[in-house]
Amino acid sequence: MSDRTNKRFESSYQQFEKERNEHDLPGKGKPLSDKFLKEDALSGIVKQANYTPPWIEVQQEIGREMARVVKRMEAGAAVASDIEVINEHIRTYNRMCPSPSMQRGLVSQDTIKQKVEHWR
């Protein structure tokens, strides 16, 4: 930038500082609310817009499927093919997730009861 442009920006900023009293800002010096600290900005906007991202819809459906399979297992039914279907849905979910840290592991007959709560 030219020296003239720098001076113009500097002058504008100094005028802004004079007109704006930072000491009168509401909430200055107060701790941030728990709600603000627990969720990121995008999550808040998505909740307010009443929008459910597609991967969350898939996650909820997987949780419902897993609960049904657990009930069938407890009734003594064979569920190997059901678990394979769930694992295919988990693979789809993992491909849809915007972040690798959100991906989930596959389930088996031994682990499905413990993992069903994580999917709800």
C-alpha atoms as a PDB file:
ATOM      1  CA  MET A   1       0.000   0.000   0.000  1.00  0.00           C
ATOM      2  CA  SER A   2       1.081   3.515  -0.571  1.00  0.00           C
ATOM      3  CA  ASP A   3       2.008   5.824   2.268  1.00  0.00           C
ATOM      4  CA  ARG A   4      -1.017   7.973   1.469  1.00  0.00           C
ATOM      5  CA  THR A   5      -3.378   4.973   1.761  1.00  0.00           C
ATOM      6  CA  ASN A   6      -1.782   3.911   5.053  1.00  0.00           C
ATOM      7  CA  LYS A   7      -2.316   7.397   6.482  1.00  0.00           C
ATOM      8  CA  ARG A   8      -5.933   7.357   5.345  1.00  0.00           C
ATOM      9  CA  PHE A   9      -6.591   3.985   7.046  1.00  0.00           C
ATOM     10  CA  GLU A  10      -4.752   5.102  10.156  1.00  0.00           C
ATOM     11  CA  SER A  11      -6.781   8.299  10.339  1.00  0.00           C
ATOM     12  CA  SER A  12     -10.058   6.392   9.868  1.00  0.00           C
ATOM     13  CA  TYR A  13      -9.153   3.909  12.586  1.00  0.00           C
ATOM     14  CA  GLN A  14      -8.172   6.655  15.036  1.00  0.00           C
ATOM     15  CA  GLN A  15     -11.516   8.386  14.395  1.00  0.00           C
ATOM     16  CA  PHE A  16     -13.301   5.076  14.996  1.00  0.00           C
ATOM     17  CA  GLU A  17     -11.462   4.594  18.301  1.00  0.00           C
ATOM     18  CA  LYS A  18     -12.431   8.095  19.466  1.00  0.00           C
ATOM     19  CA  GLU A  19     -16.124   7.618  18.655  1.00  0.00           C
ATOM     20  CA  ARG A  20     -16.446   4.141  20.076  1.00  0.00           C
ATOM     21  CA  ASN A  21     -16.068   3.721  23.804  1.00  0.00           C
ATOM     22  CA  GLU A  22     -14.949   0.121  24.358  1.00  0.00           C
ATOM     23  CA  HIS A  23     -15.505   0.451  28.102  1.00  0.00           C
ATOM     24  CA  ASP A  24     -19.281   0.646  27.619  1.00  0.00           C
ATOM     25  CA  LEU A  25     -19.652  -2.680  25.795  1.00  0.00           C
ATOM     26  CA  PRO A  26     -22.335  -4.923  27.339  1.00  0.00           C
ATOM     27  CA  GLY A  27     -20.851  -8.001  28.971  1.00  0.00           C
ATOM     28  CA  LYS A  28     -17.305  -6.653  29.054  1.00  0.00           C
ATOM     29  CA  GLY A  29     -15.365  -8.380  31.817  1.00  0.00           C
ATOM     30  CA  LYS A  30     -18.051 -11.017  32.401  1.00  0.00           C
ATOM     31  CA  PRO A  31     -17.394 -14.726  31.789  1.00  0.00           C
ATOM     32  CA  LEU A  32     -18.726 -16.312  28.628  1.00  0.00           C
ATOM     33  CA  SER A  33     -21.842 -18.426  29.029  1.00  0.00           C
ATOM     34  CA  ASP A  34     -21.620 -22.221  29.087  1.00  0.00           C
ATOM     35  CA  LYS A  35     -23.814 -22.379  25.991  1.00  0.00           C
ATOM     36  CA  PHE A  36     -21.347 -20.210  24.087  1.00  0.00           C
ATOM     37  CA  LEU A  37     -18.410 -22.380  25.126  1.00  0.00           C
ATOM     38  CA  LYS A  38     -20.062 -25.767  24.448  1.00  0.00           C
ATOM     39  CA  GLU A  39     -21.108 -25.334  20.840  1.00  0.00           C
ATOM     40  CA  ASP A  40     -19.460 -23.852  17.831  1.00  0.00           C
ATOM     41  CA  ALA A  41     -21.112 -21.075  15.841  1.00  0.00           C
ATOM     42  CA  LEU A  42     -22.235 -23.375  13.032  1.00  0.00           C
ATOM     43  CA  SER A  43     -24.001 -25.736  15.446  1.00  0.00           C
ATOM     44  CA  GLY A  44     -25.934 -22.851  16.960  1.00  0.00           C
ATOM     45  CA  ILE A  45     -26.995 -21.546  13.564  1.00  0.00           C
ATOM     46  CA  VAL A  46     -28.030 -25.018  12.399  1.00  0.00           C
ATOM     47  CA  LYS A  47     -30.117 -25.566  15.551  1.00  0.00           C
ATOM     48  CA  GLN A  48     -31.835 -22.193  15.223  1.00  0.00           C
ATOM     49  CA  ALA A  49     -32.613 -22.897  11.571  1.00  0.00           C
ATOM     50  CA  ASN A  50     -34.145 -26.246  12.597  1.00  0.00           C
ATOM     51  CA  TYR A  51     -31.913 -28.035  10.064  1.00  0.00           C
ATOM     52  CA  THR A  52     -30.525 -31.520  10.500  1.00  0.00           C
ATOM     53  CA  PRO A  53     -27.436 -32.280   8.380  1.00  0.00           C
ATOM     54  CA  PRO A  54     -27.699 -35.467   6.303  1.00  0.00           C
ATOM     55  CA  TRP A  55     -25.006 -37.329   8.250  1.00  0.00           C
ATOM     56  CA  ILE A  56     -26.877 -36.675  11.507  1.00  0.00           C
ATOM     57  CA  GLU A  57     -30.051 -38.126   9.982  1.00  0.00           C
ATOM     58  CA  VAL A  58     -28.072 -41.244   8.988  1.00  0.00           C
ATOM     59  CA  GLN A  59     -26.562 -41.421  12.491  1.00  0.00           C
ATOM     60  CA  GLN A  60     -30.019 -41.328  14.077  1.00  0.00           C
ATOM     61  CA  GLU A  61     -31.309 -44.021  11.743  1.00  0.00           C
ATOM     62  CA  ILE A  62     -28.313 -46.245  12.559  1.00  0.00           C
ATOM     63  CA  GLY A  63     -29.068 -45.796  16.271  1.00  0.00           C
ATOM     64  CA  ARG A  64     -32.677 -46.887  15.723  1.00  0.00           C
ATOM     65  CA  GLU A  65     -31.555 -49.901  13.646  1.00  0.00           C
ATOM     66  CA  MET A  66     -29.053 -50.918  16.314  1.00  0.00           C
ATOM     67  CA  ALA A  67     -31.719 -50.722  19.047  1.00  0.00           C
ATOM     68  CA  ARG A  68     -34.008 -52.984  16.989  1.00  0.00           C
ATOM     69  CA  VAL A  69     -31.205 -55.511  16.450  1.00  0.00           C
ATOM     70  CA  VAL A  70     -30.319 -55.537  20.161  1.00  0.00           C
ATOM     71  CA  LYS A  71     -33.967 -56.334  20.987  1.00  0.00           C
ATOM     72  CA  ARG A  72     -33.952 -59.151  18.407  1.00  0.00           C
ATOM     73  CA  MET A  73     -30.681 -60.512  19.852  1.00  0.00           C
ATOM     74  CA  GLU A  74     -32.180 -60.539  23.341  1.00  0.00           C
ATOM     75  CA  ALA A  75     -35.139 -62.501  21.944  1.00  0.00           C
ATOM     76  CA  GLY A  76     -32.710 -65.102  20.584  1.00  0.00           C
ATOM     77  CA  ALA A  77     -32.981 -64.221  16.888  1.00  0.00           C
ATOM     78  CA  ALA A  78     -30.068 -64.567  14.465  1.00  0.00           C
ATOM     79  CA  VAL A  79     -28.804 -61.090  13.611  1.00  0.00           C
ATOM     80  CA  ALA A  80     -25.581 -61.583  11.623  1.00  0.00           C
ATOM     81  CA  SER A  81     -27.104 -60.269   8.385  1.00  0.00           C
ATOM     82  CA  ASP A  82     -28.676 -57.329  10.244  1.00  0.00           C
ATOM     83  CA  ILE A  83     -25.290 -56.379  11.684  1.00  0.00           C
ATOM     84  CA  GLU A  84     -23.747 -56.455   8.207  1.00  0.00           C
ATOM     85  CA  VAL A  85     -26.462 -54.059   6.995  1.00  0.00           C
ATOM     86  CA  ILE A  86     -25.767 -51.767   9.975  1.00  0.00           C
ATOM     87  CA  ASN A  87     -22.034 -51.861   9.228  1.00  0.00           C
ATOM     88  CA  GLU A  88     -22.723 -50.877   5.621  1.00  0.00           C
ATOM     89  CA  HIS A  89     -24.759 -47.932   6.908  1.00  0.00           C
ATOM     90  CA  ILE A  90     -21.884 -47.018   9.254  1.00  0.00           C
ATOM     91  CA  ARG A  91     -19.502 -47.010   6.274  1.00  0.00           C
ATOM     92  CA  THR A  92     -21.916 -44.681   4.437  1.00  0.00           C
ATOM     93  CA  TYR A  93     -22.129 -42.460   7.516  1.00  0.00           C
ATOM     94  CA  ASN A  94     -18.328 -42.316   7.785  1.00  0.00           C
ATOM     95  CA  ARG A  95     -18.060 -41.200   4.149  1.00  0.00           C
ATOM     96  CA  MET A  96     -20.612 -38.432   4.775  1.00  0.00           C
ATOM     97  CA  CYS A  97     -19.002 -37.019   7.934  1.00  0.00           C
ATOM     98  CA  PRO A  98     -17.356 -33.640   7.473  1.00  0.00           C
ATOM     99  CA  SER A  99     -14.518 -34.593   9.825  1.00  0.00           C
ATOM    100  CA  PRO A 100     -12.623 -37.851  10.363  1.00  0.00           C
ATOM    101  CA  SER A 101     -12.911 -37.332  14.129  1.00  0.00           C
ATOM    102  CA  MET A 102     -16.684 -37.826  13.811  1.00  0.00           C
ATOM    103  CA  GLN A 103     -16.395 -41.227  12.157  1.00  0.00           C
ATOM    104  CA  ARG A 104     -17.462 -44.343  14.046  1.00  0.00           C
ATOM    105  CA  GLY A 105     -16.225 -47.905  14.178  1.00  0.00           C
ATOM    106  CA  LEU A 106     -18.101 -50.943  12.928  1.00  0.00           C
ATOM    107  CA  VAL A 107     -20.115 -53.139  15.287  1.00  0.00           C
ATOM    108  CA  SER A 108     -20.284 -56.854  15.956  1.00  0.00           C
ATOM    109  CA  GLN A 109     -22.593 -59.084  17.970  1.00  0.00           C
ATOM    110  CA  ASP A 110     -20.194 -58.660  20.889  1.00  0.00           C
ATOM    111  CA  THR A 111     -20.060 -54.839  20.780  1.00  0.00           C
ATOM    112  CA  ILE A 112     -23.461 -53.707  19.545  1.00  0.00           C
ATOM    113  CA  LYS A 113     -25.030 -53.496  23.017  1.00  0.00           C
ATOM    114  CA  GLN A 114     -22.292 -51.183  24.280  1.00  0.00           C
ATOM    115  CA  LYS A 115     -22.228 -49.016  21.141  1.00  0.00           C
ATOM    116  CA  VAL A 116     -25.966 -48.508  20.673  1.00  0.00           C
ATOM    117  CA  GLU A 117     -26.022 -45.666  23.227  1.00  0.00           C
ATOM    118  CA  HIS A 118     -23.282 -43.782  21.363  1.00  0.00           C
ATOM    119  CA  TRP A 119     -25.413 -43.714  18.251  1.00  0.00           C
ATOM    120  CA  ARG A 120     -28.515 -42.102  19.760  1.00  0.00           C
END
